[in-house]
């Protein structure tokens, strides 16, 4: 199975990618990003963001299109190359 971070590079100029810390120090997430080569911006969840997005486990992936609509949501270890490529393309298309 291809990783989401492997599917992302062709879309990096069209789709923003954020890794959001919610149950670990931001510094730990930044260190993991540096070691693993994960793309994007590392950020801390603001306010009730985690509850509002119903994130209940680490490594939840939520894709929000240019209209603010959640078009994709999966948990840890879920998703495959075809899904991620499709979702990233939908996100890129929604921004045009």
N, C-alpha and C. Protein backbone atom coordinates (compact mmCIF):
# COMPACT_ATOMS: atom_id res chain seq x y z
N UNK A 1 0.84 -1.17 0.00
CA UNK A 1 0.00 0.00 0.00
C UNK A 1 0.89 1.25 0.00
N UNK A 2 0.58 2.16 -0.85
CA UNK A 2 1.31 3.42 -0.93
C UNK A 2 0.83 4.37 0.16
N UNK A 3 1.73 5.13 0.73
CA UNK A 3 1.38 6.07 1.78
C UNK A 3 0.76 7.33 1.19
N UNK A 4 -0.09 7.97 1.97
CA UNK A 4 -0.69 9.23 1.56
C UNK A 4 0.40 10.25 1.22
N UNK A 5 1.45 10.25 2.00
CA UNK A 5 2.53 11.22 1.76
C UNK A 5 3.25 10.95 0.44
N UNK A 6 3.17 9.73 -0.08
CA UNK A 6 3.74 9.44 -1.39
C UNK A 6 2.82 9.93 -2.51
N UNK A 7 1.52 9.91 -2.28
CA UNK A 7 0.56 10.36 -3.28
C UNK A 7 0.48 11.88 -3.36
N UNK A 8 0.91 12.57 -2.33
CA UNK A 8 0.74 14.03 -2.23
C UNK A 8 1.63 14.87 -3.16
N UNK A 9 2.90 14.56 -3.37
CA UNK A 9 3.78 15.49 -4.09
C UNK A 9 3.25 16.06 -5.40
N UNK A 10 2.58 15.31 -6.27
CA UNK A 10 2.09 15.93 -7.50
C UNK A 10 1.05 17.03 -7.26
N UNK A 11 0.48 17.08 -6.06
CA UNK A 11 -0.57 18.04 -5.75
C UNK A 11 -0.09 19.16 -4.82
N UNK A 12 1.21 19.17 -4.48
CA UNK A 12 1.70 20.08 -3.44
C UNK A 12 1.49 21.55 -3.75
N UNK A 13 1.41 21.92 -5.03
CA UNK A 13 1.17 23.32 -5.38
C UNK A 13 -0.31 23.65 -5.49
N UNK A 14 -1.17 22.64 -5.29
CA UNK A 14 -2.61 22.84 -5.44
C UNK A 14 -3.40 22.57 -4.17
N UNK A 15 -2.85 21.73 -3.27
CA UNK A 15 -3.58 21.28 -2.08
C UNK A 15 -2.70 21.51 -0.85
N UNK A 16 -3.24 22.20 0.14
CA UNK A 16 -2.52 22.39 1.40
C UNK A 16 -2.65 21.14 2.26
N UNK A 17 -1.58 20.78 2.95
CA UNK A 17 -1.52 19.57 3.77
C UNK A 17 -1.07 19.98 5.16
N UNK A 18 -1.86 19.65 6.18
CA UNK A 18 -1.53 19.98 7.55
C UNK A 18 -1.50 18.73 8.41
N UNK A 19 -0.48 18.61 9.23
CA UNK A 19 -0.41 17.58 10.26
C UNK A 19 -0.73 18.31 11.57
N UNK A 20 -1.79 17.90 12.23
CA UNK A 20 -2.27 18.61 13.41
C UNK A 20 -2.04 17.77 14.65
N UNK A 21 -1.32 18.34 15.60
CA UNK A 21 -1.05 17.67 16.88
C UNK A 21 -2.24 17.86 17.81
N UNK A 22 -2.68 16.77 18.43
CA UNK A 22 -3.76 16.92 19.40
C UNK A 22 -3.51 16.12 20.66
N UNK A 23 -2.70 15.08 20.63
CA UNK A 23 -2.45 14.33 21.85
C UNK A 23 -0.96 14.10 22.08
N UNK A 24 -0.14 14.93 21.42
CA UNK A 24 1.29 14.87 21.64
C UNK A 24 1.85 16.28 21.52
N UNK A 25 3.02 16.50 22.11
CA UNK A 25 3.63 17.82 21.98
C UNK A 25 3.92 18.13 20.50
N UNK A 26 3.76 19.38 20.14
CA UNK A 26 4.03 19.82 18.78
C UNK A 26 5.46 19.48 18.37
N UNK A 27 6.38 19.58 19.31
CA UNK A 27 7.78 19.26 19.01
C UNK A 27 7.96 17.80 18.61
N UNK A 28 7.19 16.90 19.21
CA UNK A 28 7.26 15.48 18.84
C UNK A 28 6.77 15.27 17.41
N UNK A 29 5.68 15.94 17.05
CA UNK A 29 5.15 15.82 15.69
C UNK A 29 6.13 16.41 14.67
N UNK A 30 6.76 17.52 15.02
CA UNK A 30 7.75 18.12 14.13
C UNK A 30 8.95 17.19 13.95
N UNK A 31 9.41 16.56 15.02
CA UNK A 31 10.52 15.62 14.92
C UNK A 31 10.15 14.43 14.05
N UNK A 32 8.93 13.90 14.24
CA UNK A 32 8.47 12.78 13.42
C UNK A 32 8.40 13.19 11.95
N UNK A 33 7.92 14.38 11.68
CA UNK A 33 7.85 14.87 10.30
C UNK A 33 9.25 14.94 9.68
N UNK A 34 10.19 15.43 10.43
CA UNK A 34 11.56 15.52 9.92
C UNK A 34 12.16 14.15 9.64
N UNK A 35 11.91 13.20 10.52
CA UNK A 35 12.45 11.84 10.35
C UNK A 35 11.79 11.08 9.21
N UNK A 36 10.49 11.27 9.04
CA UNK A 36 9.72 10.47 8.08
C UNK A 36 9.61 11.10 6.71
N UNK A 37 9.89 12.40 6.62
CA UNK A 37 9.75 13.08 5.34
C UNK A 37 8.32 13.45 4.99
N UNK A 38 7.41 13.43 5.98
CA UNK A 38 6.01 13.81 5.71
C UNK A 38 5.97 15.27 5.27
N UNK A 39 5.14 15.57 4.27
CA UNK A 39 5.03 16.94 3.77
C UNK A 39 4.12 17.79 4.64
N UNK A 40 4.02 19.04 4.29
CA UNK A 40 3.02 19.92 4.86
C UNK A 40 3.48 20.73 6.05
N UNK A 41 2.51 21.38 6.64
CA UNK A 41 2.72 22.26 7.78
C UNK A 41 2.26 21.54 9.04
N UNK A 42 3.06 21.64 10.08
CA UNK A 42 2.71 21.06 11.37
C UNK A 42 2.06 22.15 12.21
N UNK A 43 0.93 21.83 12.82
CA UNK A 43 0.18 22.82 13.58
C UNK A 43 -0.44 22.18 14.83
N UNK A 44 -0.88 23.01 15.73
CA UNK A 44 -1.59 22.55 16.93
C UNK A 44 -3.07 22.80 16.70
N UNK A 45 -3.90 21.88 17.15
CA UNK A 45 -5.35 22.04 17.03
C UNK A 45 -5.79 23.25 17.85
N UNK A 46 -6.65 24.05 17.27
CA UNK A 46 -7.14 25.26 17.95
C UNK A 46 -8.54 25.01 18.53
N UNK A 47 -8.75 25.52 19.73
CA UNK A 47 -10.08 25.46 20.34
C UNK A 47 -10.68 24.06 20.34
N UNK A 48 -11.89 23.98 19.82
CA UNK A 48 -12.63 22.72 19.79
C UNK A 48 -12.48 21.98 18.47
N UNK A 49 -11.43 22.27 17.74
CA UNK A 49 -11.25 21.69 16.41
C UNK A 49 -11.34 20.17 16.41
N UNK A 50 -10.66 19.51 17.30
CA UNK A 50 -10.64 18.05 17.33
C UNK A 50 -12.04 17.50 17.59
N UNK A 51 -12.75 18.08 18.53
CA UNK A 51 -14.12 17.65 18.81
C UNK A 51 -15.04 17.96 17.63
N UNK A 52 -14.92 19.15 17.06
CA UNK A 52 -15.78 19.54 15.94
C UNK A 52 -15.59 18.65 14.71
N UNK A 53 -14.36 18.18 14.51
CA UNK A 53 -14.08 17.28 13.39
C UNK A 53 -14.25 15.81 13.75
N UNK A 54 -14.68 15.57 15.00
CA UNK A 54 -14.92 14.21 15.51
C UNK A 54 -13.69 13.30 15.33
N UNK A 55 -12.53 13.83 15.65
CA UNK A 55 -11.31 13.04 15.59
C UNK A 55 -11.21 12.29 16.90
N UNK A 56 -11.18 10.96 16.81
CA UNK A 56 -11.15 10.13 18.01
C UNK A 56 -9.91 9.25 18.09
N UNK A 57 -9.07 9.28 17.06
CA UNK A 57 -7.85 8.49 17.09
C UNK A 57 -6.74 9.21 16.33
N UNK A 58 -5.52 8.89 16.71
CA UNK A 58 -4.36 9.45 16.03
C UNK A 58 -4.36 9.03 14.58
N UNK A 59 -3.85 9.89 13.74
CA UNK A 59 -3.69 9.66 12.31
C UNK A 59 -5.02 9.62 11.56
N UNK A 60 -6.00 10.36 12.06
CA UNK A 60 -7.24 10.53 11.31
C UNK A 60 -6.95 11.50 10.17
N UNK A 61 -7.44 11.17 9.00
CA UNK A 61 -7.25 12.03 7.83
C UNK A 61 -8.59 12.62 7.44
N UNK A 62 -8.64 13.95 7.36
CA UNK A 62 -9.86 14.67 6.99
C UNK A 62 -9.50 15.58 5.83
N UNK A 63 -10.24 15.45 4.73
CA UNK A 63 -10.01 16.31 3.56
C UNK A 63 -11.17 17.27 3.44
N UNK A 64 -10.86 18.55 3.38
CA UNK A 64 -11.86 19.62 3.30
C UNK A 64 -11.65 20.36 1.99
N UNK A 65 -12.69 20.40 1.16
CA UNK A 65 -12.53 21.04 -0.14
C UNK A 65 -12.57 22.56 -0.03
N UNK A 66 -12.43 23.24 -1.15
CA UNK A 66 -12.36 24.69 -1.17
C UNK A 66 -13.66 25.35 -0.72
N UNK A 67 -14.75 24.59 -0.68
CA UNK A 67 -16.03 25.11 -0.22
C UNK A 67 -16.28 24.82 1.25
N UNK A 68 -15.30 24.21 1.93
CA UNK A 68 -15.43 23.89 3.35
C UNK A 68 -16.18 22.61 3.62
N UNK A 69 -16.36 21.77 2.61
CA UNK A 69 -17.08 20.51 2.75
C UNK A 69 -16.09 19.37 2.99
N UNK A 70 -16.35 18.57 4.03
CA UNK A 70 -15.52 17.39 4.27
C UNK A 70 -15.87 16.36 3.21
N UNK A 71 -14.88 16.00 2.39
CA UNK A 71 -15.13 15.05 1.31
C UNK A 71 -14.51 13.69 1.57
N UNK A 72 -13.73 13.58 2.65
CA UNK A 72 -13.04 12.32 2.92
C UNK A 72 -12.67 12.27 4.38
N UNK A 73 -12.85 11.11 5.00
CA UNK A 73 -12.45 10.93 6.40
C UNK A 73 -12.12 9.45 6.59
N UNK A 74 -10.91 9.17 7.07
CA UNK A 74 -10.51 7.81 7.42
C UNK A 74 -9.60 7.85 8.63
N UNK A 75 -9.47 6.71 9.28
CA UNK A 75 -8.64 6.59 10.46
C UNK A 75 -7.30 5.95 10.16
N UNK A 76 -6.60 5.64 11.21
CA UNK A 76 -5.25 5.07 11.16
C UNK A 76 -5.18 3.84 10.26
N UNK A 77 -4.23 3.84 9.34
CA UNK A 77 -3.99 2.67 8.50
C UNK A 77 -5.01 2.46 7.40
N UNK A 78 -5.90 3.39 7.18
CA UNK A 78 -6.95 3.25 6.17
C UNK A 78 -6.59 4.06 4.94
N UNK A 79 -7.15 3.66 3.81
CA UNK A 79 -6.92 4.38 2.56
C UNK A 79 -5.91 3.65 1.70
N UNK A 80 -5.95 3.94 0.41
CA UNK A 80 -5.00 3.33 -0.51
C UNK A 80 -4.65 4.34 -1.60
N UNK A 81 -3.72 3.96 -2.44
CA UNK A 81 -3.21 4.88 -3.45
C UNK A 81 -4.33 5.46 -4.32
N UNK A 82 -5.22 4.61 -4.80
CA UNK A 82 -6.29 5.09 -5.68
C UNK A 82 -7.21 6.08 -4.95
N UNK A 83 -7.56 5.77 -3.70
CA UNK A 83 -8.42 6.67 -2.92
C UNK A 83 -7.76 8.03 -2.74
N UNK A 84 -6.50 8.01 -2.29
CA UNK A 84 -5.82 9.27 -1.99
C UNK A 84 -5.60 10.10 -3.24
N UNK A 85 -5.25 9.46 -4.33
CA UNK A 85 -5.06 10.20 -5.58
C UNK A 85 -6.38 10.84 -6.00
N UNK A 86 -7.47 10.09 -5.87
CA UNK A 86 -8.79 10.61 -6.21
C UNK A 86 -9.17 11.79 -5.31
N UNK A 87 -8.96 11.65 -4.01
CA UNK A 87 -9.30 12.72 -3.07
C UNK A 87 -8.45 13.95 -3.35
N UNK A 88 -7.16 13.78 -3.54
CA UNK A 88 -6.29 14.92 -3.82
C UNK A 88 -6.70 15.62 -5.12
N UNK A 89 -7.10 14.84 -6.11
CA UNK A 89 -7.56 15.45 -7.36
C UNK A 89 -8.86 16.22 -7.14
N UNK A 90 -9.78 15.68 -6.34
CA UNK A 90 -11.02 16.39 -6.02
C UNK A 90 -10.73 17.71 -5.31
N UNK A 91 -9.77 17.67 -4.38
CA UNK A 91 -9.41 18.89 -3.67
C UNK A 91 -8.81 19.93 -4.62
N UNK A 92 -7.92 19.48 -5.49
CA UNK A 92 -7.32 20.40 -6.47
C UNK A 92 -8.39 20.98 -7.39
N UNK A 93 -9.31 20.15 -7.85
CA UNK A 93 -10.38 20.60 -8.74
C UNK A 93 -11.29 21.60 -8.06
N UNK A 94 -11.56 21.40 -6.75
CA UNK A 94 -12.48 22.30 -6.04
C UNK A 94 -11.89 23.70 -5.86
N UNK A 95 -10.57 23.80 -5.93
CA UNK A 95 -9.90 25.08 -5.75
C UNK A 95 -9.84 25.92 -7.02
N UNK A 96 -10.25 25.35 -8.14
CA UNK A 96 -10.17 26.09 -9.42
C UNK A 96 -11.38 26.93 -9.66
